[in-house]
Amino acid sequence: MSDYDYGPVDTYEITWMSGHIERVLAHQVSYPAAGMALMRSMGAVTVGVEGGAPRVRMRAEINGRWTLTLSAREEDIRTMRLVTEPERIPGTEADQ
């Protein structure tokens, strides 16, 4: 259990390349480190970097435990958007 309060969990909508749509809860989203593959190809020593396809990882504190809620290859994700708050549409009551 953690003594740190991460606040309310965010909801993300993932659209996969297959067209499937799902929602994932997360406090933290980490993206592949840009340029790391290039550095490795140039012979640079990169400590703590995994091989293989770049992955997007999402984590959330659920029931007091820090949990991995998604680990997916970046190339399998078409879009990802934060949907915790309803979208505001200009000119509607919700926009007021």
Protein backbone atom coordinates (compact mmCIF):
# COMPACT_ATOMS: atom_id res chain seq x y z
CA MET A 1 0.00 0.00 0.00
CA SER A 2 1.11 3.51 -0.78
CA ASP A 3 0.81 6.58 1.43
CA TYR A 4 0.83 8.81 -1.67
CA ASP A 5 -2.54 10.00 -2.99
CA TYR A 6 -2.55 9.83 -6.79
CA GLY A 7 -5.97 11.47 -6.99
CA PRO A 8 -8.82 10.24 -9.13
CA VAL A 9 -7.91 7.74 -11.82
CA ASP A 10 -8.17 8.87 -15.46
CA THR A 11 -10.00 6.96 -18.18
CA TYR A 12 -8.41 6.57 -21.61
CA GLU A 13 -10.14 5.36 -24.75
CA ILE A 14 -7.89 3.13 -26.86
CA THR A 15 -8.71 2.46 -30.52
CA TRP A 16 -6.72 -0.51 -31.74
CA MET A 17 -5.53 -0.94 -35.33
CA SER A 18 -8.12 -3.75 -35.61
CA GLY A 19 -10.88 -1.18 -34.95
CA HIS A 20 -11.73 -2.51 -31.48
CA ILE A 21 -12.31 0.25 -28.88
CA GLU A 22 -11.79 -0.18 -25.15
CA ARG A 23 -11.37 1.97 -22.06
CA VAL A 24 -8.41 1.68 -19.70
CA LEU A 25 -7.92 3.25 -16.25
CA ALA A 26 -4.57 4.91 -15.55
CA HIS A 27 -2.80 7.35 -13.27
CA GLN A 28 0.39 7.13 -15.35
CA VAL A 29 1.07 6.60 -19.07
CA SER A 30 4.58 5.93 -20.32
CA TYR A 31 5.53 6.01 -23.97
CA PRO A 32 8.56 4.45 -25.65
CA ALA A 33 11.69 6.55 -25.34
CA ALA A 34 12.05 8.39 -28.65
CA GLY A 35 15.36 7.82 -30.34
CA MET A 36 16.49 4.85 -28.26
CA ALA A 37 16.34 2.46 -31.24
CA LEU A 38 18.48 4.91 -33.22
CA MET A 39 21.02 5.15 -30.40
CA ARG A 40 21.25 1.35 -30.18
CA SER A 41 21.72 1.12 -33.95
CA MET A 42 24.65 3.55 -33.66
CA GLY A 43 26.31 1.33 -31.07
CA ALA A 44 25.48 3.45 -28.02
CA VAL A 45 25.20 1.64 -24.69
CA THR A 46 21.66 2.09 -23.37
CA VAL A 47 21.17 0.87 -19.83
CA GLY A 48 17.74 -0.31 -18.74
CA VAL A 49 16.22 -0.25 -22.22
CA GLU A 50 14.26 -3.28 -23.35
CA GLY A 51 14.69 -4.80 -26.77
CA GLY A 52 11.81 -5.59 -29.09
CA ALA A 53 8.89 -3.50 -30.27
CA PRO A 54 8.30 -0.19 -28.44
CA ARG A 55 5.52 -0.53 -25.83
CA VAL A 56 3.02 1.85 -24.26
CA ARG A 57 2.41 1.13 -20.57
CA MET A 58 -0.40 2.37 -18.33
CA ARG A 59 -0.48 2.03 -14.56
CA ALA A 60 -3.05 2.87 -11.89
CA GLU A 61 -3.45 2.51 -8.16
CA ILE A 62 -6.45 0.20 -7.80
CA ASN A 63 -7.58 -1.01 -4.37
CA GLY A 64 -4.38 0.34 -2.83
CA ARG A 65 -2.04 -1.50 -5.22
CA TRP A 66 0.04 -0.04 -8.07
CA THR A 67 -1.13 -2.09 -11.06
CA LEU A 68 -0.11 -2.41 -14.70
CA THR A 69 -3.41 -1.85 -16.54
CA LEU A 70 -2.06 -1.98 -20.11
CA SER A 71 1.15 -2.98 -21.86
CA ALA A 72 0.81 -2.90 -25.63
CA ARG A 73 3.00 -2.55 -28.68
CA GLU A 74 2.88 1.04 -29.90
CA GLU A 75 2.22 -0.11 -33.47
CA ASP A 76 -1.00 -1.89 -32.39
CA ILE A 77 -2.62 1.36 -31.15
CA ARG A 78 -4.36 3.61 -33.67
CA THR A 79 -5.46 6.36 -31.24
CA MET A 80 -5.50 7.01 -27.53
CA ARG A 81 -7.45 9.82 -25.92
CA LEU A 82 -8.23 10.98 -22.42
CA VAL A 83 -12.00 10.71 -21.81
CA THR A 84 -12.23 11.17 -18.04
CA GLU A 85 -14.23 14.39 -18.48
CA PRO A 86 -17.07 14.45 -21.03
CA GLU A 87 -16.17 16.28 -24.25
CA ARG A 88 -17.40 19.84 -24.43
CA ILE A 89 -19.23 20.53 -27.66
CA PRO A 90 -19.40 24.25 -28.55
CA GLY A 91 -22.92 25.68 -28.68
CA THR A 92 -24.52 23.00 -26.47
CA GLU A 93 -25.79 23.13 -22.91
CA ALA A 94 -22.80 21.11 -21.73
CA ASP A 95 -20.55 23.93 -22.98
CA GLN A 96 -22.10 26.50 -20.61
